[in-house]
Amino acid sequence: MEDFQLKNSEFIELHSLLKVMQFCDSGGMAKAFIAEGRVMVDGVVELRKRCKIRKGQIVKFEGRSITVT
């Protein structure tokens, strides 16, 4: 499990998180994976590309997990 620390904001958009964590090569690729239903937030498939991810949430993609702190 990997951690992502929010610093200057109360949230990060889901597609941006996948890109920043280098789970995807580009934001467009991240958006495509989300649209395909391949990303889970707190155990539920998330289809909203711009979903706001906040502290305490867990994002799962391709067997990898991100905990937002």
N, C-alpha and C. Protein backbone atom coordinates (compact mmCIF):
# COMPACT_ATOMS: atom_id res chain seq x y z
N MET A 1 0.84 -1.18 0.00
CA MET A 1 0.00 0.00 0.00
C MET A 1 0.89 1.24 0.00
N GLU A 2 0.51 2.20 -0.81
CA GLU A 2 1.27 3.45 -0.91
C GLU A 2 0.46 4.59 -0.30
N ASP A 3 1.15 5.60 0.18
CA ASP A 3 0.49 6.77 0.76
C ASP A 3 0.63 7.97 -0.16
N PHE A 4 -0.41 8.79 -0.17
CA PHE A 4 -0.37 10.08 -0.87
C PHE A 4 -0.81 11.12 0.14
N GLN A 5 0.03 12.14 0.34
CA GLN A 5 -0.28 13.17 1.31
C GLN A 5 -0.81 14.42 0.64
N LEU A 6 -2.02 14.81 1.03
CA LEU A 6 -2.59 16.07 0.55
C LEU A 6 -1.89 17.20 1.30
N LYS A 7 -1.40 18.19 0.57
CA LYS A 7 -0.66 19.26 1.23
C LYS A 7 -1.38 20.60 1.17
N ASN A 8 -1.68 21.07 -0.01
CA ASN A 8 -2.23 22.43 -0.16
C ASN A 8 -3.69 22.43 -0.57
N SER A 9 -4.35 21.31 -0.40
CA SER A 9 -5.73 21.20 -0.86
C SER A 9 -6.48 20.23 0.04
N GLU A 10 -7.80 20.31 0.02
CA GLU A 10 -8.59 19.36 0.82
C GLU A 10 -8.95 18.12 0.02
N PHE A 11 -8.65 18.13 -1.31
CA PHE A 11 -8.95 16.96 -2.14
C PHE A 11 -8.05 16.95 -3.37
N ILE A 12 -8.03 15.78 -4.05
CA ILE A 12 -7.38 15.65 -5.36
C ILE A 12 -8.37 14.87 -6.22
N GLU A 13 -8.46 15.23 -7.48
CA GLU A 13 -9.36 14.52 -8.38
C GLU A 13 -8.78 13.14 -8.69
N LEU A 14 -9.65 12.17 -8.82
CA LEU A 14 -9.24 10.78 -8.99
C LEU A 14 -8.26 10.58 -10.14
N HIS A 15 -8.58 11.12 -11.30
CA HIS A 15 -7.69 10.93 -12.46
C HIS A 15 -6.32 11.54 -12.21
N SER A 16 -6.27 12.66 -11.50
CA SER A 16 -4.99 13.31 -11.17
C SER A 16 -4.18 12.47 -10.20
N LEU A 17 -4.86 11.85 -9.23
CA LEU A 17 -4.17 11.00 -8.26
C LEU A 17 -3.49 9.83 -8.96
N LEU A 18 -4.19 9.18 -9.87
CA LEU A 18 -3.59 8.05 -10.59
C LEU A 18 -2.37 8.48 -11.39
N LYS A 19 -2.43 9.67 -11.97
CA LYS A 19 -1.31 10.18 -12.75
C LYS A 19 -0.14 10.56 -11.84
N VAL A 20 -0.42 11.29 -10.76
CA VAL A 20 0.63 11.73 -9.83
C VAL A 20 1.35 10.54 -9.21
N MET A 21 0.60 9.49 -8.91
CA MET A 21 1.19 8.29 -8.30
C MET A 21 1.86 7.39 -9.35
N GLN A 22 1.84 7.81 -10.59
CA GLN A 22 2.45 7.11 -11.71
C GLN A 22 1.84 5.72 -11.93
N PHE A 23 0.53 5.59 -11.62
CA PHE A 23 -0.19 4.37 -11.94
C PHE A 23 -0.57 4.39 -13.42
N CYS A 24 -0.59 5.58 -14.02
CA CYS A 24 -0.92 5.76 -15.44
C CYS A 24 0.08 6.75 -16.04
N ASP A 25 0.33 6.61 -17.33
CA ASP A 25 1.26 7.50 -18.01
C ASP A 25 0.70 8.89 -18.26
N SER A 26 -0.63 8.99 -18.35
CA SER A 26 -1.23 10.29 -18.65
C SER A 26 -2.60 10.39 -17.98
N GLY A 27 -3.09 11.62 -17.90
CA GLY A 27 -4.42 11.84 -17.37
C GLY A 27 -5.48 11.20 -18.23
N GLY A 28 -5.27 11.23 -19.55
CA GLY A 28 -6.22 10.61 -20.47
C GLY A 28 -6.33 9.10 -20.26
N MET A 29 -5.19 8.48 -20.02
CA MET A 29 -5.17 7.04 -19.76
C MET A 29 -5.89 6.75 -18.44
N ALA A 30 -5.66 7.58 -17.44
CA ALA A 30 -6.33 7.41 -16.14
C ALA A 30 -7.84 7.53 -16.31
N LYS A 31 -8.28 8.52 -17.07
CA LYS A 31 -9.72 8.71 -17.31
C LYS A 31 -10.32 7.49 -18.00
N ALA A 32 -9.60 6.91 -18.94
CA ALA A 32 -10.09 5.73 -19.65
C ALA A 32 -10.24 4.54 -18.69
N PHE A 33 -9.25 4.32 -17.83
CA PHE A 33 -9.32 3.22 -16.87
C PHE A 33 -10.50 3.42 -15.92
N ILE A 34 -10.72 4.65 -15.48
CA ILE A 34 -11.84 4.94 -14.58
C ILE A 34 -13.16 4.64 -15.29
N ALA A 35 -13.29 5.10 -16.54
CA ALA A 35 -14.51 4.89 -17.31
C ALA A 35 -14.80 3.40 -17.53
N GLU A 36 -13.75 2.59 -17.59
CA GLU A 36 -13.90 1.14 -17.78
C GLU A 36 -14.27 0.43 -16.47
N GLY A 37 -14.32 1.16 -15.37
CA GLY A 37 -14.68 0.56 -14.09
C GLY A 37 -13.56 -0.20 -13.42
N ARG A 38 -12.33 0.18 -13.71
CA ARG A 38 -11.17 -0.54 -13.18
C ARG A 38 -10.61 0.06 -11.90
N VAL A 39 -11.24 1.13 -11.39
CA VAL A 39 -10.74 1.81 -10.19
C VAL A 39 -11.80 1.75 -9.10
N MET A 40 -11.35 1.45 -7.89
CA MET A 40 -12.26 1.42 -6.74
C MET A 40 -11.85 2.48 -5.72
N VAL A 41 -12.86 3.11 -5.11
CA VAL A 41 -12.64 4.06 -4.04
C VAL A 41 -13.42 3.56 -2.84
N ASP A 42 -12.72 3.31 -1.75
CA ASP A 42 -13.34 2.78 -0.53
C ASP A 42 -14.17 1.53 -0.81
N GLY A 43 -13.65 0.65 -1.68
CA GLY A 43 -14.29 -0.63 -1.95
C GLY A 43 -15.42 -0.62 -2.95
N VAL A 44 -15.68 0.54 -3.57
CA VAL A 44 -16.77 0.66 -4.54
C VAL A 44 -16.20 1.14 -5.88
N VAL A 45 -16.65 0.52 -6.97
CA VAL A 45 -16.19 0.95 -8.30
C VAL A 45 -16.60 2.41 -8.50
N GLU A 46 -15.64 3.23 -8.92
CA GLU A 46 -15.88 4.66 -9.14
C GLU A 46 -15.75 4.97 -10.62
N LEU A 47 -16.79 5.55 -11.21
CA LEU A 47 -16.80 5.86 -12.64
C LEU A 47 -16.64 7.36 -12.91
N ARG A 48 -16.63 8.17 -11.87
CA ARG A 48 -16.48 9.63 -12.05
C ARG A 48 -15.00 9.98 -12.11
N LYS A 49 -14.56 10.48 -13.24
CA LYS A 49 -13.14 10.80 -13.45
C LYS A 49 -12.65 11.90 -12.52
N ARG A 50 -13.53 12.85 -12.24
CA ARG A 50 -13.15 14.00 -11.43
C ARG A 50 -13.62 13.87 -9.99
N CYS A 51 -13.89 12.64 -9.56
CA CYS A 51 -14.31 12.37 -8.19
C CYS A 51 -13.28 12.97 -7.23
N LYS A 52 -13.75 13.67 -6.21
CA LYS A 52 -12.85 14.30 -5.25
C LYS A 52 -12.43 13.30 -4.19
N ILE A 53 -11.14 13.03 -4.13
CA ILE A 53 -10.58 12.09 -3.17
C ILE A 53 -10.02 12.89 -1.99
N ARG A 54 -10.48 12.54 -0.79
CA ARG A 54 -10.11 13.29 0.41
C ARG A 54 -9.33 12.40 1.39
N LYS A 55 -8.79 13.03 2.42
CA LYS A 55 -8.03 12.30 3.44
C LYS A 55 -8.84 11.13 3.99
N GLY A 56 -8.16 10.01 4.18
CA GLY A 56 -8.79 8.84 4.76
C GLY A 56 -9.35 7.86 3.73
N GLN A 57 -9.44 8.28 2.48
CA GLN A 57 -9.98 7.39 1.46
C GLN A 57 -8.89 6.47 0.91
N ILE A 58 -9.33 5.31 0.43
CA ILE A 58 -8.41 4.32 -0.15
C ILE A 58 -8.82 4.08 -1.60
N VAL A 59 -7.87 4.20 -2.49
CA VAL A 59 -8.09 4.00 -3.92
C VAL A 59 -7.34 2.73 -4.33
N LYS A 60 -8.02 1.85 -5.07
CA LYS A 60 -7.40 0.61 -5.55
C LYS A 60 -7.47 0.56 -7.07
N PHE A 61 -6.34 0.14 -7.66
CA PHE A 61 -6.24 0.04 -9.12
C PHE A 61 -5.21 -1.02 -9.48
N GLU A 62 -5.61 -1.99 -10.25
CA GLU A 62 -4.68 -3.02 -10.76
C GLU A 62 -3.88 -3.69 -9.64
N GLY A 63 -4.53 -3.99 -8.53
CA GLY A 63 -3.87 -4.68 -7.43
C GLY A 63 -3.02 -3.80 -6.54
N ARG A 64 -3.02 -2.51 -6.79
CA ARG A 64 -2.25 -1.55 -5.97
C ARG A 64 -3.23 -0.67 -5.20
N SER A 65 -2.79 -0.22 -4.03
CA SER A 65 -3.65 0.63 -3.19
C SER A 65 -2.95 1.92 -2.83
N ILE A 66 -3.75 2.98 -2.73
CA ILE A 66 -3.26 4.29 -2.29
C ILE A 66 -4.11 4.71 -1.11
N THR A 67 -3.46 5.07 -0.01
CA THR A 67 -4.16 5.65 1.12
C THR A 67 -3.86 7.14 1.12
N VAL A 68 -4.92 7.94 1.15
CA VAL A 68 -4.76 9.40 1.12
C VAL A 68 -4.70 9.90 2.56
N THR A 69 -3.60 10.60 2.87
CA THR A 69 -3.41 11.12 4.22
C THR A 69 -3.29 12.63 4.23
